[in-house]
Amino acid sequence: MEYLYAALLLHKAGQEINDANLKKTLTAAGAKVDDARIKATATALKDVDIEKVLAETTIATAPAASDAAPASEAPKAEEKKEEDTGASNEEAAAGLGALFG
């Protein structure tokens, strides 16, 4: 995750997301640097419009103003039971890990 955080930080600062900038950012943050992961991250984000992805993600996760209940009418918290989806969190995360080596 720290590689993506570094990329987002570079994007926010208006810097180019490349191997050298990612390495400098991660080193400055005190993270352990893996050159292969840096290269994979920079390559994966090369043609990605980060602003567009952030806007789509924000829209998809933010509730509409009309859907939000006022604080005085907030429902009591209920315990949610986990449903067995057939795949563990580790199995699901394993597929995502393949993106970054």
N, C-alpha and C. Protein backbone atom coordinates (compact mmCIF):
# COMPACT_ATOMS: atom_id res chain seq x y z
N MET A 1 0.81 -1.19 0.00
CA MET A 1 0.00 0.00 0.00
C MET A 1 0.86 1.26 0.00
N GLU A 2 2.02 1.18 0.64
CA GLU A 2 2.84 2.38 0.72
C GLU A 2 3.28 2.87 -0.65
N TYR A 3 3.35 1.98 -1.63
CA TYR A 3 3.73 2.38 -2.98
C TYR A 3 2.62 3.22 -3.62
N LEU A 4 1.38 2.81 -3.38
CA LEU A 4 0.26 3.58 -3.90
C LEU A 4 0.12 4.91 -3.17
N TYR A 5 0.36 4.90 -1.86
CA TYR A 5 0.32 6.15 -1.10
C TYR A 5 1.38 7.13 -1.63
N ALA A 6 2.55 6.62 -1.90
CA ALA A 6 3.62 7.46 -2.44
C ALA A 6 3.21 8.03 -3.80
N ALA A 7 2.59 7.21 -4.62
CA ALA A 7 2.14 7.67 -5.93
C ALA A 7 1.07 8.75 -5.79
N LEU A 8 0.15 8.56 -4.86
CA LEU A 8 -0.89 9.57 -4.63
C LEU A 8 -0.29 10.87 -4.10
N LEU A 9 0.69 10.76 -3.23
CA LEU A 9 1.36 11.94 -2.71
C LEU A 9 2.07 12.69 -3.83
N LEU A 10 2.76 11.97 -4.69
CA LEU A 10 3.42 12.60 -5.83
C LEU A 10 2.41 13.29 -6.74
N HIS A 11 1.30 12.61 -6.99
CA HIS A 11 0.25 13.18 -7.84
C HIS A 11 -0.28 14.47 -7.23
N LYS A 12 -0.57 14.44 -5.93
CA LYS A 12 -1.10 15.61 -5.24
C LYS A 12 -0.12 16.78 -5.28
N ALA A 13 1.17 16.47 -5.22
CA ALA A 13 2.22 17.50 -5.25
C ALA A 13 2.52 17.97 -6.68
N GLY A 14 1.89 17.36 -7.67
CA GLY A 14 2.12 17.75 -9.06
C GLY A 14 3.41 17.22 -9.64
N GLN A 15 3.97 16.19 -9.01
CA GLN A 15 5.22 15.59 -9.49
C GLN A 15 4.91 14.40 -10.39
N GLU A 16 5.84 14.09 -11.26
CA GLU A 16 5.71 12.94 -12.15
C GLU A 16 5.85 11.66 -11.32
N ILE A 17 5.01 10.69 -11.62
CA ILE A 17 5.09 9.39 -10.94
C ILE A 17 6.02 8.51 -11.75
N ASN A 18 7.28 8.45 -11.30
CA ASN A 18 8.27 7.62 -11.97
C ASN A 18 9.10 6.89 -10.91
N ASP A 19 9.99 6.03 -11.37
CA ASP A 19 10.78 5.21 -10.45
C ASP A 19 11.57 6.06 -9.45
N ALA A 20 12.24 7.07 -9.95
CA ALA A 20 13.11 7.89 -9.09
C ALA A 20 12.30 8.64 -8.03
N ASN A 21 11.18 9.25 -8.44
CA ASN A 21 10.37 10.00 -7.48
C ASN A 21 9.71 9.08 -6.45
N LEU A 22 9.26 7.91 -6.89
CA LEU A 22 8.68 6.95 -5.94
C LEU A 22 9.72 6.51 -4.92
N LYS A 23 10.93 6.24 -5.40
CA LYS A 23 12.00 5.79 -4.50
C LYS A 23 12.35 6.88 -3.48
N LYS A 24 12.46 8.11 -3.94
CA LYS A 24 12.76 9.22 -3.04
C LYS A 24 11.67 9.39 -1.98
N THR A 25 10.41 9.30 -2.41
CA THR A 25 9.29 9.49 -1.50
C THR A 25 9.25 8.38 -0.45
N LEU A 26 9.41 7.14 -0.89
CA LEU A 26 9.38 6.01 0.04
C LEU A 26 10.56 6.05 1.00
N THR A 27 11.72 6.41 0.50
CA THR A 27 12.91 6.50 1.34
C THR A 27 12.73 7.60 2.39
N ALA A 28 12.19 8.73 1.98
CA ALA A 28 11.97 9.84 2.90
C ALA A 28 10.96 9.47 3.98
N ALA A 29 10.02 8.60 3.64
CA ALA A 29 9.00 8.17 4.61
C ALA A 29 9.52 7.07 5.52
N GLY A 30 10.70 6.54 5.22
CA GLY A 30 11.28 5.49 6.05
C GLY A 30 10.78 4.10 5.71
N ALA A 31 10.18 3.95 4.54
CA ALA A 31 9.67 2.64 4.11
C ALA A 31 10.79 1.82 3.48
N LYS A 32 10.67 0.51 3.60
CA LYS A 32 11.61 -0.39 2.94
C LYS A 32 11.32 -0.34 1.44
N VAL A 33 12.34 -0.14 0.64
CA VAL A 33 12.17 0.07 -0.80
C VAL A 33 12.54 -1.20 -1.56
N ASP A 34 11.64 -1.62 -2.43
CA ASP A 34 11.86 -2.76 -3.31
C ASP A 34 11.80 -2.23 -4.74
N ASP A 35 12.94 -2.23 -5.42
CA ASP A 35 13.03 -1.64 -6.75
C ASP A 35 12.06 -2.28 -7.75
N ALA A 36 11.83 -3.58 -7.64
CA ALA A 36 10.90 -4.25 -8.55
C ALA A 36 9.47 -3.74 -8.34
N ARG A 37 9.08 -3.53 -7.10
CA ARG A 37 7.74 -3.03 -6.82
C ARG A 37 7.60 -1.58 -7.25
N ILE A 38 8.66 -0.82 -7.11
CA ILE A 38 8.63 0.57 -7.56
C ILE A 38 8.41 0.62 -9.07
N LYS A 39 9.17 -0.20 -9.80
CA LYS A 39 9.04 -0.24 -11.25
C LYS A 39 7.64 -0.70 -11.66
N ALA A 40 7.12 -1.71 -10.98
CA ALA A 40 5.78 -2.23 -11.30
C ALA A 40 4.71 -1.17 -11.03
N THR A 41 4.85 -0.45 -9.94
CA THR A 41 3.87 0.59 -9.61
C THR A 41 3.91 1.72 -10.63
N ALA A 42 5.11 2.19 -10.96
CA ALA A 42 5.25 3.28 -11.93
C ALA A 42 4.71 2.85 -13.30
N THR A 43 4.99 1.64 -13.69
CA THR A 43 4.51 1.13 -14.98
C THR A 43 3.00 0.99 -14.99
N ALA A 44 2.44 0.46 -13.90
CA ALA A 44 0.99 0.25 -13.82
C ALA A 44 0.23 1.58 -13.84
N LEU A 45 0.82 2.62 -13.29
CA LEU A 45 0.13 3.92 -13.22
C LEU A 45 0.47 4.85 -14.37
N LYS A 46 1.29 4.38 -15.30
CA LYS A 46 1.79 5.21 -16.40
C LYS A 46 0.66 5.86 -17.20
N ASP A 47 -0.34 5.10 -17.57
CA ASP A 47 -1.42 5.61 -18.43
C ASP A 47 -2.74 5.80 -17.67
N VAL A 48 -2.68 5.87 -16.35
CA VAL A 48 -3.88 6.00 -15.54
C VAL A 48 -4.15 7.48 -15.26
N ASP A 49 -5.39 7.90 -15.47
CA ASP A 49 -5.81 9.26 -15.13
C ASP A 49 -6.25 9.24 -13.67
N ILE A 50 -5.34 9.58 -12.77
CA ILE A 50 -5.58 9.45 -11.34
C ILE A 50 -6.74 10.34 -10.90
N GLU A 51 -6.85 11.54 -11.42
CA GLU A 51 -7.95 12.44 -11.07
C GLU A 51 -9.30 11.79 -11.39
N LYS A 52 -9.38 11.17 -12.55
CA LYS A 52 -10.63 10.53 -12.97
C LYS A 52 -10.96 9.36 -12.04
N VAL A 53 -9.97 8.55 -11.70
CA VAL A 53 -10.18 7.40 -10.82
C VAL A 53 -10.62 7.88 -9.43
N LEU A 54 -9.97 8.91 -8.92
CA LEU A 54 -10.36 9.44 -7.61
C LEU A 54 -11.78 10.00 -7.63
N ALA A 55 -12.15 10.69 -8.70
CA ALA A 55 -13.50 11.25 -8.81
C ALA A 55 -14.54 10.14 -8.88
N GLU A 56 -14.27 9.10 -9.65
CA GLU A 56 -15.21 7.98 -9.76
C GLU A 56 -15.34 7.25 -8.44
N THR A 57 -14.24 7.08 -7.74
CA THR A 57 -14.25 6.38 -6.47
C THR A 57 -15.00 7.19 -5.43
N THR A 58 -14.80 8.49 -5.41
CA THR A 58 -15.48 9.36 -4.46
C THR A 58 -16.97 9.34 -4.70
N ILE A 59 -17.37 9.40 -5.95
CA ILE A 59 -18.79 9.39 -6.28
C ILE A 59 -19.41 8.05 -5.90
N ALA A 60 -18.71 6.97 -6.15
CA ALA A 60 -19.24 5.64 -5.88
C ALA A 60 -19.36 5.36 -4.39
N THR A 61 -18.51 5.96 -3.56
CA THR A 61 -18.52 5.65 -2.14
C THR A 61 -19.23 6.69 -1.29
N ALA A 62 -19.44 7.89 -1.81
CA ALA A 62 -20.09 8.94 -1.02
C ALA A 62 -21.60 8.82 -1.13
N PRO A 63 -22.31 8.81 0.00
CA PRO A 63 -23.77 8.75 -0.07
C PRO A 63 -24.33 10.08 -0.56
N ALA A 64 -25.45 10.02 -1.22
CA ALA A 64 -26.10 11.24 -1.68
C ALA A 64 -26.60 12.00 -0.46
N ALA A 65 -26.65 13.31 -0.55
CA ALA A 65 -27.08 14.14 0.57
C ALA A 65 -28.49 13.78 1.01
N SER A 66 -29.37 13.44 0.08
CA SER A 66 -30.74 13.09 0.43
C SER A 66 -30.84 11.73 1.11
N ASP A 67 -29.83 10.88 0.92
CA ASP A 67 -29.84 9.55 1.53
C ASP A 67 -29.36 9.57 2.98
N ALA A 68 -28.64 10.60 3.36
CA ALA A 68 -28.08 10.66 4.71
C ALA A 68 -29.15 11.08 5.69
N ALA A 69 -29.27 10.33 6.78
CA ALA A 69 -30.25 10.66 7.82
C ALA A 69 -29.68 11.75 8.71
N PRO A 70 -30.51 12.68 9.16
CA PRO A 70 -30.01 13.69 10.10
C PRO A 70 -29.51 13.01 11.37
N ALA A 71 -28.61 13.69 12.07
CA ALA A 71 -28.01 13.11 13.28
C ALA A 71 -29.06 12.74 14.31
N SER A 72 -30.14 13.51 14.41
CA SER A 72 -31.17 13.23 15.41
C SER A 72 -31.96 11.97 15.07
N GLU A 73 -31.96 11.60 13.81
CA GLU A 73 -32.71 10.42 13.38
C GLU A 73 -31.80 9.24 13.05
N ALA A 74 -30.56 9.30 13.48
CA ALA A 74 -29.61 8.23 13.17
C ALA A 74 -30.08 6.92 13.81
N PRO A 75 -30.11 5.86 13.04
CA PRO A 75 -30.53 4.57 13.59
C PRO A 75 -29.48 4.03 14.55
N LYS A 76 -29.92 3.20 15.49
CA LYS A 76 -28.99 2.59 16.42
C LYS A 76 -28.11 1.60 15.67
N ALA A 77 -26.88 1.50 16.11
CA ALA A 77 -25.94 0.59 15.47
C ALA A 77 -26.39 -0.85 15.70
N GLU A 78 -26.35 -1.61 14.66
CA GLU A 78 -26.71 -3.01 14.74
C GLU A 78 -25.49 -3.85 14.41
N GLU A 79 -25.40 -4.98 15.06
CA GLU A 79 -24.31 -5.89 14.74
C GLU A 79 -24.64 -6.60 13.44
N LYS A 80 -23.64 -6.64 12.58
CA LYS A 80 -23.82 -7.33 11.31
C LYS A 80 -23.13 -8.68 11.40
N LYS A 81 -23.81 -9.69 10.94
CA LYS A 81 -23.23 -11.02 10.90
C LYS A 81 -22.50 -11.17 9.58
N GLU A 82 -21.29 -11.72 9.67
CA GLU A 82 -20.53 -11.98 8.45
C GLU A 82 -21.15 -13.15 7.71
N GLU A 83 -21.28 -12.97 6.42
CA GLU A 83 -21.80 -14.05 5.60
C GLU A 83 -20.63 -14.82 5.01
N ASP A 84 -20.78 -16.11 4.89
CA ASP A 84 -19.75 -16.94 4.30
C ASP A 84 -19.83 -16.79 2.79
N THR A 85 -18.83 -16.15 2.21
CA THR A 85 -18.83 -15.92 0.77
C THR A 85 -18.11 -17.03 0.02
N GLY A 86 -17.53 -17.94 0.77
CA GLY A 86 -16.84 -19.05 0.13
C GLY A 86 -15.36 -18.79 -0.08
N ALA A 87 -14.93 -17.55 0.03
CA ALA A 87 -13.52 -17.21 -0.15
C ALA A 87 -13.06 -16.38 1.05
N SER A 88 -11.91 -16.70 1.55
CA SER A 88 -11.39 -15.95 2.69
C SER A 88 -10.82 -14.63 2.22
N ASN A 89 -10.61 -13.72 3.15
CA ASN A 89 -10.01 -12.42 2.81
C ASN A 89 -8.61 -12.61 2.23
N GLU A 90 -7.89 -13.60 2.74
CA GLU A 90 -6.54 -13.85 2.24
C GLU A 90 -6.57 -14.28 0.79
N GLU A 91 -7.53 -15.12 0.43
CA GLU A 91 -7.64 -15.57 -0.96
C GLU A 91 -7.99 -14.40 -1.87
N ALA A 92 -8.88 -13.53 -1.41
CA ALA A 92 -9.28 -12.38 -2.21
C ALA A 92 -8.11 -11.43 -2.39
N ALA A 93 -7.33 -11.21 -1.33
CA ALA A 93 -6.19 -10.29 -1.40
C ALA A 93 -5.06 -10.86 -2.25
N ALA A 94 -4.96 -12.18 -2.34
CA ALA A 94 -3.90 -12.78 -3.13
C ALA A 94 -3.97 -12.36 -4.59
N GLY A 95 -5.17 -12.24 -5.12
CA GLY A 95 -5.34 -11.80 -6.50
C GLY A 95 -4.87 -10.37 -6.71
N LEU A 96 -5.10 -9.50 -5.72
CA LEU A 96 -4.66 -8.12 -5.83
C LEU A 96 -3.15 -8.01 -5.72
N GLY A 97 -2.54 -8.88 -4.94
CA GLY A 97 -1.09 -8.84 -4.78
C GLY A 97 -0.35 -9.12 -6.06
N ALA A 98 -0.97 -9.84 -6.97
CA ALA A 98 -0.35 -10.16 -8.24
C ALA A 98 -0.12 -8.91 -9.10
N LEU A 99 -0.88 -7.87 -8.83
CA LEU A 99 -0.71 -6.63 -9.59
C LEU A 99 0.65 -5.98 -9.35
N PHE A 100 1.20 -6.20 -8.13
CA PHE A 100 2.41 -5.49 -7.76
C PHE A 100 3.58 -6.41 -7.49
N GLY A 101 3.47 -7.63 -7.87
CA GLY A 101 4.61 -8.54 -7.79
C GLY A 101 4.80 -9.22 -6.53
